[in-house]
Amino acid sequence: MDSKEERKSIKKAVALRYLPETDRAPKVTAKGSGKVAQKIIELAQKHGIPIEEDPALVQILSQLDFYQEIPPSVYVVVAEILAFIYSMNNRWCNLKRKE
């Protein structure tokens, strides 16, 4: 495998935080590649945080600084992801209520 292919195969991850009461837009709270990315993913899974795999979006978000708000150019994509997360959270809450 050449170095270009190796770079493509290295897993990357970016974590976002969004608190509607205080944040104008989601912010980058963690990012990394390789083992750091795997740890971010493991922590998300451990805490039941939904994961969205979108390599193009990760590429854009990984260029941001920590706690930097996402740029308006990716609002639509991130809004779709947040809508998915809220939907999954509501389903989970409804399932817990039925137990």
PDB file of N, CA and C in Angstrom:
ATOM      1  N   MET A   1       0.856  -1.175   0.000  1.00  0.00           N
ATOM      2  CA  MET A   1       0.000   0.000   0.000  1.00  0.00           C
ATOM      3  C   MET A   1       0.902   1.238   0.000  1.00  0.00           C
ATOM      4  N   ASP A   2       0.660   2.158  -0.916  1.00  0.00           N
ATOM      5  CA  ASP A   2       1.495   3.365  -0.934  1.00  0.00           C
ATOM      6  C   ASP A   2       1.008   4.361   0.107  1.00  0.00           C
ATOM      7  N   SER A   3       1.789   5.401   0.340  1.00  0.00           N
ATOM      8  CA  SER A   3       1.469   6.338   1.422  1.00  0.00           C
ATOM      9  C   SER A   3       0.144   7.059   1.207  1.00  0.00           C
ATOM     10  N   LYS A   4      -0.231   7.316  -0.060  1.00  0.00           N
ATOM     11  CA  LYS A   4      -1.507   7.978  -0.322  1.00  0.00           C
ATOM     12  C   LYS A   4      -2.675   7.073   0.082  1.00  0.00           C
ATOM     13  N   GLU A   5      -2.570   5.785  -0.245  1.00  0.00           N
ATOM     14  CA  GLU A   5      -3.614   4.836   0.142  1.00  0.00           C
ATOM     15  C   GLU A   5      -3.647   4.646   1.649  1.00  0.00           C
ATOM     16  N   GLU A   6      -2.473   4.640   2.283  1.00  0.00           N
ATOM     17  CA  GLU A   6      -2.427   4.504   3.735  1.00  0.00           C
ATOM     18  C   GLU A   6      -3.120   5.678   4.413  1.00  0.00           C
ATOM     19  N   ARG A   7      -2.891   6.887   3.917  1.00  0.00           N
ATOM     20  CA  ARG A   7      -3.535   8.072   4.509  1.00  0.00           C
ATOM     21  C   ARG A   7      -5.045   7.995   4.364  1.00  0.00           C
ATOM     22  N   LYS A   8      -5.525   7.473   3.241  1.00  0.00           N
ATOM     23  CA  LYS A   8      -6.966   7.346   3.036  1.00  0.00           C
ATOM     24  C   LYS A   8      -7.581   6.334   3.990  1.00  0.00           C
ATOM     25  N   SER A   9      -6.821   5.287   4.344  1.00  0.00           N
ATOM     26  CA  SER A   9      -7.375   4.226   5.179  1.00  0.00           C
ATOM     27  C   SER A   9      -7.332   4.558   6.668  1.00  0.00           C
ATOM     28  N   ILE A  10      -6.624   5.596   7.063  1.00  0.00           N
ATOM     29  CA  ILE A  10      -6.561   5.976   8.472  1.00  0.00           C
ATOM     30  C   ILE A  10      -7.889   6.603   8.872  1.00  0.00           C
ATOM     31  N   LYS A  11      -8.487   6.045   9.911  1.00  0.00           N
ATOM     32  CA  LYS A  11      -9.775   6.533  10.396  1.00  0.00           C
ATOM     33  C   LYS A  11      -9.623   7.898  11.032  1.00  0.00           C
ATOM     34  N   LYS A  12     -10.583   8.772  10.750  1.00  0.00           N
ATOM     35  CA  LYS A  12     -10.617  10.098  11.356  1.00  0.00           C
ATOM     36  C   LYS A  12     -11.966  10.280  12.036  1.00  0.00           C
ATOM     37  N   ALA A  13     -11.980  11.101  13.072  1.00  0.00           N
ATOM     38  CA  ALA A  13     -13.226  11.379  13.788  1.00  0.00           C
ATOM     39  C   ALA A  13     -13.224  12.811  14.300  1.00  0.00           C
ATOM     40  N   VAL A  14     -14.421  13.391  14.329  1.00  0.00           N
ATOM     41  CA  VAL A  14     -14.629  14.725  14.882  1.00  0.00           C
ATOM     42  C   VAL A  14     -15.886  14.663  15.744  1.00  0.00           C
ATOM     43  N   ALA A  15     -15.801  15.195  16.944  1.00  0.00           N
ATOM     44  CA  ALA A  15     -16.962  15.254  17.842  1.00  0.00           C
ATOM     45  C   ALA A  15     -17.457  16.688  17.905  1.00  0.00           C
ATOM     46  N   LEU A  16     -18.776  16.820  17.872  1.00  0.00           N
ATOM     47  CA  LEU A  16     -19.407  18.135  17.961  1.00  0.00           C
ATOM     48  C   LEU A  16     -20.242  18.232  19.221  1.00  0.00           C
ATOM     49  N   ARG A  17     -20.359  19.436  19.734  1.00  0.00           N
ATOM     50  CA  ARG A  17     -21.254  19.720  20.861  1.00  0.00           C
ATOM     51  C   ARG A  17     -22.168  20.852  20.416  1.00  0.00           C
ATOM     52  N   TYR A  18     -23.444  20.702  20.769  1.00  0.00           N
ATOM     53  CA  TYR A  18     -24.389  21.778  20.457  1.00  0.00           C
ATOM     54  C   TYR A  18     -25.381  21.912  21.594  1.00  0.00           C
ATOM     55  N   LEU A  19     -25.342  23.052  22.252  1.00  0.00           N
ATOM     56  CA  LEU A  19     -26.289  23.373  23.317  1.00  0.00           C
ATOM     57  C   LEU A  19     -27.137  24.539  22.813  1.00  0.00           C
ATOM     58  N   PRO A  20     -28.362  24.260  22.362  1.00  0.00           N
ATOM     59  CA  PRO A  20     -29.182  25.315  21.744  1.00  0.00           C
ATOM     60  C   PRO A  20     -29.382  26.543  22.625  1.00  0.00           C
ATOM     61  N   GLU A  21     -29.358  26.358  23.949  1.00  0.00           N
ATOM     62  CA  GLU A  21     -29.584  27.487  24.852  1.00  0.00           C
ATOM     63  C   GLU A  21     -28.417  28.471  24.867  1.00  0.00           C
ATOM     64  N   THR A  22     -27.210  27.968  24.572  1.00  0.00           N
ATOM     65  CA  THR A  22     -26.031  28.829  24.692  1.00  0.00           C
ATOM     66  C   THR A  22     -25.188  28.951  23.421  1.00  0.00           C
ATOM     67  N   ASP A  23     -25.272  27.967  22.544  1.00  0.00           N
ATOM     68  CA  ASP A  23     -24.426  27.966  21.352  1.00  0.00           C
ATOM     69  C   ASP A  23     -25.184  28.488  20.131  1.00  0.00           C
ATOM     70  N   ARG A  24     -24.503  29.298  19.334  1.00  0.00           N
ATOM     71  CA  ARG A  24     -25.099  29.756  18.072  1.00  0.00           C
ATOM     72  C   ARG A  24     -25.052  28.660  17.016  1.00  0.00           C
ATOM     73  N   ALA A  25     -24.032  27.815  17.112  1.00  0.00           N
ATOM     74  CA  ALA A  25     -23.841  26.721  16.159  1.00  0.00           C
ATOM     75  C   ALA A  25     -23.055  25.620  16.863  1.00  0.00           C
ATOM     76  N   PRO A  26     -23.111  24.392  16.335  1.00  0.00           N
ATOM     77  CA  PRO A  26     -22.293  23.317  16.920  1.00  0.00           C
ATOM     78  C   PRO A  26     -20.814  23.673  16.898  1.00  0.00           C
ATOM     79  N   LYS A  27     -20.090  23.151  17.887  1.00  0.00           N
ATOM     80  CA  LYS A  27     -18.654  23.414  18.015  1.00  0.00           C
ATOM     81  C   LYS A  27     -17.884  22.100  18.046  1.00  0.00           C
ATOM     82  N   VAL A  28     -16.663  22.138  17.551  1.00  0.00           N
ATOM     83  CA  VAL A  28     -15.777  20.979  17.578  1.00  0.00           C
ATOM     84  C   VAL A  28     -15.247  20.820  19.001  1.00  0.00           C
ATOM     85  N   THR A  29     -15.443  19.625  19.575  1.00  0.00           N
ATOM     86  CA  THR A  29     -14.956  19.394  20.936  1.00  0.00           C
ATOM     87  C   THR A  29     -13.859  18.340  20.997  1.00  0.00           C
ATOM     88  N   ALA A  30     -13.720  17.555  19.938  1.00  0.00           N
ATOM     89  CA  ALA A  30     -12.643  16.565  19.874  1.00  0.00           C
ATOM     90  C   ALA A  30     -12.418  16.216  18.410  1.00  0.00           C
ATOM     91  N   LYS A  31     -11.186  15.900  18.087  1.00  0.00           N
ATOM     92  CA  LYS A  31     -10.875  15.473  16.726  1.00  0.00           C
ATOM     93  C   LYS A  31      -9.557  14.731  16.743  1.00  0.00           C
ATOM     94  N   GLY A  32      -9.407  13.838  15.777  1.00  0.00           N
ATOM     95  CA  GLY A  32      -8.162  13.105  15.696  1.00  0.00           C
ATOM     96  C   GLY A  32      -8.206  12.042  14.625  1.00  0.00           C
ATOM     97  N   SER A  33      -7.086  11.387  14.447  1.00  0.00           N
ATOM     98  CA  SER A  33      -7.004  10.305  13.480  1.00  0.00           C
ATOM     99  C   SER A  33      -6.322   9.109  14.123  1.00  0.00           C
ATOM    100  N   GLY A  34      -6.449   7.960  13.496  1.00  0.00           N
ATOM    101  CA  GLY A  34      -5.829   6.749  14.013  1.00  0.00           C
ATOM    102  C   GLY A  34      -6.379   6.351  15.369  1.00  0.00           C
ATOM    103  N   LYS A  35      -5.481   6.157  16.337  1.00  0.00           N
ATOM    104  CA  LYS A  35      -5.894   5.710  17.677  1.00  0.00           C
ATOM    105  C   LYS A  35      -6.759   6.744  18.386  1.00  0.00           C
ATOM    106  N   VAL A  36      -6.480   8.017  18.156  1.00  0.00           N
ATOM    107  CA  VAL A  36      -7.292   9.073  18.782  1.00  0.00           C
ATOM    108  C   VAL A  36      -8.719   9.013  18.234  1.00  0.00           C
ATOM    109  N   ALA A  37      -8.859   8.844  16.931  1.00  0.00           N
ATOM    110  CA  ALA A  37     -10.184   8.733  16.320  1.00  0.00           C
ATOM    111  C   ALA A  37     -10.926   7.523  16.877  1.00  0.00           C
ATOM    112  N   GLN A  38     -10.229   6.406  16.996  1.00  0.00           N
ATOM    113  CA  GLN A  38     -10.865   5.203  17.532  1.00  0.00           C
ATOM    114  C   GLN A  38     -11.342   5.431  18.959  1.00  0.00           C
ATOM    115  N   LYS A  39     -10.566   6.146  19.757  1.00  0.00           N
ATOM    116  CA  LYS A  39     -10.965   6.431  21.144  1.00  0.00           C
ATOM    117  C   LYS A  39     -12.197   7.340  21.176  1.00  0.00           C
ATOM    118  N   ILE A  40     -12.259   8.331  20.290  1.00  0.00           N
ATOM    119  CA  ILE A  40     -13.428   9.212  20.207  1.00  0.00           C
ATOM    120  C   ILE A  40     -14.662   8.379  19.887  1.00  0.00           C
ATOM    121  N   ILE A  41     -14.539   7.479  18.926  1.00  0.00           N
ATOM    122  CA  ILE A  41     -15.661   6.626  18.524  1.00  0.00           C
ATOM    123  C   ILE A  41     -16.068   5.698  19.660  1.00  0.00           C
ATOM    124  N   GLU A  42     -15.091   5.091  20.332  1.00  0.00           N
ATOM    125  CA  GLU A  42     -15.393   4.202  21.456  1.00  0.00           C
ATOM    126  C   GLU A  42     -16.125   4.934  22.570  1.00  0.00           C
ATOM    127  N   LEU A  43     -15.678   6.153  22.887  1.00  0.00           N
ATOM    128  CA  LEU A  43     -16.343   6.932  23.938  1.00  0.00           C
ATOM    129  C   LEU A  43     -17.772   7.296  23.537  1.00  0.00           C
ATOM    130  N   ALA A  44     -17.966   7.648  22.289  1.00  0.00           N
ATOM    131  CA  ALA A  44     -19.320   7.952  21.811  1.00  0.00           C
ATOM    132  C   ALA A  44     -20.211   6.726  21.949  1.00  0.00           C
ATOM    133  N   GLN A  45     -19.722   5.574  21.529  1.00  0.00           N
ATOM    134  CA  GLN A  45     -20.506   4.346  21.626  1.00  0.00           C
ATOM    135  C   GLN A  45     -20.805   4.009  23.083  1.00  0.00           C
ATOM    136  N   LYS A  46     -19.813   4.142  23.937  1.00  0.00           N
ATOM    137  CA  LYS A  46     -19.976   3.838  25.368  1.00  0.00           C
ATOM    138  C   LYS A  46     -21.063   4.691  26.004  1.00  0.00           C
ATOM    139  N   HIS A  47     -21.169   5.952  25.569  1.00  0.00           N
ATOM    140  CA  HIS A  47     -22.134   6.876  26.162  1.00  0.00           C
ATOM    141  C   HIS A  47     -23.422   7.003  25.347  1.00  0.00           C
ATOM    142  N   GLY A  48     -23.593   6.129  24.367  1.00  0.00           N
ATOM    143  CA  GLY A  48     -24.831   6.123  23.586  1.00  0.00           C
ATOM    144  C   GLY A  48     -24.987   7.326  22.672  1.00  0.00           C
ATOM    145  N   ILE A  49     -23.893   7.925  22.284  1.00  0.00           N
ATOM    146  CA  ILE A  49     -23.941   9.084  21.387  1.00  0.00           C
ATOM    147  C   ILE A  49     -23.971   8.573  19.953  1.00  0.00           C
ATOM    148  N   PRO A  50     -24.982   8.973  19.185  1.00  0.00           N
ATOM    149  CA  PRO A  50     -25.065   8.501  17.794  1.00  0.00           C
ATOM    150  C   PRO A  50     -23.847   8.933  16.984  1.00  0.00           C
ATOM    151  N   ILE A  51     -23.471   8.070  16.051  1.00  0.00           N
ATOM    152  CA  ILE A  51     -22.311   8.317  15.202  1.00  0.00           C
ATOM    153  C   ILE A  51     -22.782   8.369  13.760  1.00  0.00           C
ATOM    154  N   GLU A  52     -22.348   9.378  13.060  1.00  0.00           N
ATOM    155  CA  GLU A  52     -22.646   9.534  11.637  1.00  0.00           C
ATOM    156  C   GLU A  52     -21.341   9.456  10.881  1.00  0.00           C
ATOM    157  N   GLU A  53     -21.266   8.555   9.914  1.00  0.00           N
ATOM    158  CA  GLU A  53     -20.041   8.423   9.123  1.00  0.00           C
ATOM    159  C   GLU A  53     -20.195   9.183   7.815  1.00  0.00           C
ATOM    160  N   ASP A  54     -19.430  10.247   7.684  1.00  0.00           N
ATOM    161  CA  ASP A  54     -19.438  11.063   6.470  1.00  0.00           C
ATOM    162  C   ASP A  54     -18.019  11.591   6.273  1.00  0.00           C
ATOM    163  N   PRO A  55     -17.207  10.857   5.517  1.00  0.00           N
ATOM    164  CA  PRO A  55     -15.801  11.241   5.358  1.00  0.00           C
ATOM    165  C   PRO A  55     -15.592  12.663   4.852  1.00  0.00           C
ATOM    166  N   ALA A  56     -16.446  13.132   3.949  1.00  0.00           N
ATOM    167  CA  ALA A  56     -16.290  14.491   3.421  1.00  0.00           C
ATOM    168  C   ALA A  56     -16.520  15.522   4.528  1.00  0.00           C
ATOM    169  N   LEU A  57     -17.523  15.295   5.355  1.00  0.00           N
ATOM    170  CA  LEU A  57     -17.811  16.210   6.454  1.00  0.00           C
ATOM    171  C   LEU A  57     -16.688  16.173   7.496  1.00  0.00           C
ATOM    172  N   VAL A  58     -16.190  14.997   7.798  1.00  0.00           N
ATOM    173  CA  VAL A  58     -15.078  14.877   8.750  1.00  0.00           C
ATOM    174  C   VAL A  58     -13.869  15.646   8.236  1.00  0.00           C
ATOM    175  N   GLN A  59     -13.617  15.556   6.949  1.00  0.00           N
ATOM    176  CA  GLN A  59     -12.483  16.276   6.353  1.00  0.00           C
ATOM    177  C   GLN A  59     -12.622  17.785   6.578  1.00  0.00           C
ATOM    178  N   ILE A  60     -13.825  18.308   6.374  1.00  0.00           N
ATOM    179  CA  ILE A  60     -14.082  19.742   6.570  1.00  0.00           C
ATOM    180  C   ILE A  60     -13.947  20.110   8.048  1.00  0.00           C
ATOM    181  N   LEU A  61     -14.617  19.333   8.910  1.00  0.00           N
ATOM    182  CA  LEU A  61     -14.639  19.658  10.337  1.00  0.00           C
ATOM    183  C   LEU A  61     -13.278  19.492  11.001  1.00  0.00           C
ATOM    184  N   SER A  62     -12.456  18.564  10.511  1.00  0.00           N
ATOM    185  CA  SER A  62     -11.147  18.343  11.129  1.00  0.00           C
ATOM    186  C   SER A  62     -10.199  19.524  10.910  1.00  0.00           C
ATOM    187  N   GLN A  63     -10.550  20.401   9.991  1.00  0.00           N
ATOM    188  CA  GLN A  63      -9.717  21.582   9.751  1.00  0.00           C
ATOM    189  C   GLN A  63     -10.027  22.715  10.732  1.00  0.00           C
ATOM    190  N   LEU A  64     -11.109  22.588  11.488  1.00  0.00           N
ATOM    191  CA  LEU A  64     -11.491  23.623  12.453  1.00  0.00           C
ATOM    192  C   LEU A  64     -10.693  23.476  13.738  1.00  0.00           C
ATOM    193  N   ASP A  65     -10.556  24.566  14.470  1.00  0.00           N
ATOM    194  CA  ASP A  65      -9.907  24.545  15.770  1.00  0.00           C
ATOM    195  C   ASP A  65     -10.882  24.032  16.822  1.00  0.00           C
ATOM    196  N   PHE A  66     -10.336  23.591  17.951  1.00  0.00           N
ATOM    197  CA  PHE A  66     -11.184  23.155  19.056  1.00  0.00           C
ATOM    198  C   PHE A  66     -12.065  24.311  19.515  1.00  0.00           C
ATOM    199  N   TYR A  67     -13.322  23.999  19.786  1.00  0.00           N
ATOM    200  CA  TYR A  67     -14.349  24.932  20.245  1.00  0.00           C
ATOM    201  C   TYR A  67     -14.706  25.999  19.217  1.00  0.00           C
ATOM    202  N   GLN A  68     -14.246  25.829  17.989  1.00  0.00           N
ATOM    203  CA  GLN A  68     -14.647  26.731  16.906  1.00  0.00           C
ATOM    204  C   GLN A  68     -16.017  26.295  16.398  1.00  0.00           C
ATOM    205  N   GLU A  69     -16.884  27.271  16.157  1.00  0.00           N
ATOM    206  CA  GLU A  69     -18.197  26.957  15.601  1.00  0.00           C
ATOM    207  C   GLU A  69     -18.046  26.484  14.164  1.00  0.00           C
ATOM    208  N   ILE A  70     -18.932  25.582  13.763  1.00  0.00           N
ATOM    209  CA  ILE A  70     -18.877  25.106  12.384  1.00  0.00           C
ATOM    210  C   ILE A  70     -19.227  26.253  11.438  1.00  0.00           C
ATOM    211  N   PRO A  71     -18.688  26.250  10.245  1.00  0.00           N
ATOM    212  CA  PRO A  71     -18.973  27.334   9.298  1.00  0.00           C
ATOM    213  C   PRO A  71     -20.366  27.198   8.700  1.00  0.00           C
ATOM    214  N   PRO A  72     -20.984  28.310   8.332  1.00  0.00           N
ATOM    215  CA  PRO A  72     -22.325  28.273   7.741  1.00  0.00           C
ATOM    216  C   PRO A  72     -22.429  27.351   6.515  1.00  0.00           C
ATOM    217  N   SER A  73     -21.342  27.150   5.808  1.00  0.00           N
ATOM    218  CA  SER A  73     -21.386  26.312   4.612  1.00  0.00           C
ATOM    219  C   SER A  73     -21.723  24.848   4.909  1.00  0.00           C
ATOM    220  N   VAL A  74     -21.567  24.404   6.155  1.00  0.00           N
ATOM    221  CA  VAL A  74     -21.913  23.017   6.496  1.00  0.00           C
ATOM    222  C   VAL A  74     -23.121  22.920   7.428  1.00  0.00           C
ATOM    223  N   TYR A  75     -23.827  24.030   7.651  1.00  0.00           N
ATOM    224  CA  TYR A  75     -25.008  24.018   8.516  1.00  0.00           C
ATOM    225  C   TYR A  75     -26.033  22.980   8.078  1.00  0.00           C
ATOM    226  N   VAL A  76     -26.323  22.915   6.795  1.00  0.00           N
ATOM    227  CA  VAL A  76     -27.376  22.015   6.323  1.00  0.00           C
ATOM    228  C   VAL A  76     -27.032  20.567   6.638  1.00  0.00           C
ATOM    229  N   VAL A  77     -25.806  20.174   6.359  1.00  0.00           N
ATOM    230  CA  VAL A  77     -25.404  18.792   6.617  1.00  0.00           C
ATOM    231  C   VAL A  77     -25.446  18.492   8.104  1.00  0.00           C
ATOM    232  N   VAL A  78     -24.908  19.385   8.912  1.00  0.00           N
ATOM    233  CA  VAL A  78     -24.901  19.167  10.355  1.00  0.00           C
ATOM    234  C   VAL A  78     -26.331  19.204  10.904  1.00  0.00           C
ATOM    235  N   ALA A  79     -27.173  20.068  10.376  1.00  0.00           N
ATOM    236  CA  ALA A  79     -28.579  20.117  10.815  1.00  0.00           C
ATOM    237  C   ALA A  79     -29.266  18.784  10.540  1.00  0.00           C
ATOM    238  N   GLU A  80     -28.986  18.185   9.390  1.00  0.00           N
ATOM    239  CA  GLU A  80     -29.569  16.877   9.076  1.00  0.00           C
ATOM    240  C   GLU A  80     -29.095  15.822  10.073  1.00  0.00           C
ATOM    241  N   ILE A  81     -27.829  15.875  10.430  1.00  0.00           N
ATOM    242  CA  ILE A  81     -27.294  14.922  11.405  1.00  0.00           C
ATOM    243  C   ILE A  81     -27.928  15.147  12.772  1.00  0.00           C
ATOM    244  N   LEU A  82     -28.040  16.408  13.187  1.00  0.00           N
ATOM    245  CA  LEU A  82     -28.675  16.706  14.481  1.00  0.00           C
ATOM    246  C   LEU A  82     -30.136  16.267  14.498  1.00  0.00           C
ATOM    247  N   ALA A  83     -30.847  16.461  13.403  1.00  0.00           N
ATOM    248  CA  ALA A  83     -32.244  16.011  13.318  1.00  0.00           C
ATOM    249  C   ALA A  83     -32.316  14.498  13.497  1.00  0.00           C
ATOM    250  N   PHE A  84     -31.385  13.784  12.867  1.00  0.00           N
ATOM    251  CA  PHE A  84     -31.323  12.336  13.020  1.00  0.00           C
ATOM    252  C   PHE A  84     -31.069  11.961  14.486  1.00  0.00           C
ATOM    253  N   ILE A  85     -30.131  12.645  15.102  1.00  0.00           N
ATOM    254  CA  ILE A  85     -29.797  12.353  16.502  1.00  0.00           C
ATOM    255  C   ILE A  85     -30.987  12.623  17.415  1.00  0.00           C
ATOM    256  N   TYR A  86     -31.649  13.763  17.237  1.00  0.00           N
ATOM    257  CA  TYR A  86     -32.814  14.068  18.061  1.00  0.00           C
ATOM    258  C   TYR A  86     -33.922  13.034  17.859  1.00  0.00           C
ATOM    259  N   SER A  87     -34.106  12.598  16.626  1.00  0.00           N
ATOM    260  CA  SER A  87     -35.106  11.577  16.326  1.00  0.00           C
ATOM    261  C   SER A  87     -34.777  10.273  17.050  1.00  0.00           C
ATOM    262  N   MET A  88     -33.516   9.865  16.991  1.00  0.00           N
ATOM    263  CA  MET A  88     -33.097   8.638  17.668  1.00  0.00           C
ATOM    264  C   MET A  88     -33.236   8.777  19.180  1.00  0.00           C
ATOM    265  N   ASN A  89     -32.915   9.946  19.706  1.00  0.00           N
ATOM    266  CA  ASN A  89     -33.037  10.187  21.140  1.00  0.00           C
ATOM    267  C   ASN A  89     -34.499  10.092  21.577  1.00  0.00           C
ATOM    268  N   ASN A  90     -35.395  10.678  20.795  1.00  0.00           N
ATOM    269  CA  ASN A  90     -36.827  10.601  21.116  1.00  0.00           C
ATOM    270  C   ASN A  90     -37.325   9.166  21.085  1.00  0.00           C
ATOM    271  N   ARG A  91     -36.886   8.392  20.095  1.00  0.00           N
ATOM    272  CA  ARG A  91     -37.279   6.976  20.033  1.00  0.00           C
ATOM    273  C   ARG A  91     -36.791   6.229  21.260  1.00  0.00           C
ATOM    274  N   TRP A  92     -35.546   6.482  21.636  1.00  0.00           N
ATOM    275  CA  TRP A  92     -34.970   5.806  22.793  1.00  0.00           C
ATOM    276  C   TRP A  92     -35.745   6.168  24.061  1.00  0.00           C
ATOM    277  N   CYS A  93     -36.061   7.451  24.223  1.00  0.00           N
ATOM    278  CA  CYS A  93     -36.820   7.895  25.397  1.00  0.00           C
ATOM    279  C   CYS A  93     -38.197   7.248  25.430  1.00  0.00           C
ATOM    280  N   ASN A  94     -38.851   7.162  24.274  1.00  0.00           N
ATOM    281  CA  ASN A  94     -40.172   6.532  24.210  1.00  0.00           C
ATOM    282  C   ASN A  94     -40.099   5.044  24.552  1.00  0.00           C
ATOM    283  N   LEU A  95     -39.055   4.364  24.109  1.00  0.00           N
ATOM    284  CA  LEU A  95     -38.886   2.964  24.433  1.00  0.00           C
ATOM    285  C   LEU A  95     -38.661   2.792  25.938  1.00  0.00           C
ATOM    286  N   LYS A  96     -37.894   3.679  26.527  1.00  0.00           N
ATOM    287  CA  LYS A  96     -37.622   3.595  27.980  1.00  0.00           C
ATOM    288  C   LYS A  96     -38.906   3.818  28.779  1.00  0.00           C
ATOM    289  N   ARG A  97     -39.766   4.710  28.312  1.00  0.00           N
ATOM    290  CA  ARG A  97     -41.030   4.979  29.016  1.00  0.00           C
ATOM    291  C   ARG A  97     -41.950   3.769  29.000  1.00  0.00           C
ATOM    292  N   LYS A  98     -41.890   2.977  27.921  1.00  0.00           N
ATOM    293  CA  LYS A  98     -42.755   1.815  27.778  1.00  0.00           C
ATOM    294  C   LYS A  98     -42.303   0.656  28.647  1.00  0.00           C
ATOM    295  N   GLU A  99     -41.052   0.680  29.100  1.00  0.00           N
ATOM    296  CA  GLU A  99     -40.532  -0.424  29.934  1.00  0.00           C
ATOM    297  C   GLU A  99     -41.094  -0.399  31.322  1.00  0.00           C
TER     298      GLU A  99
END
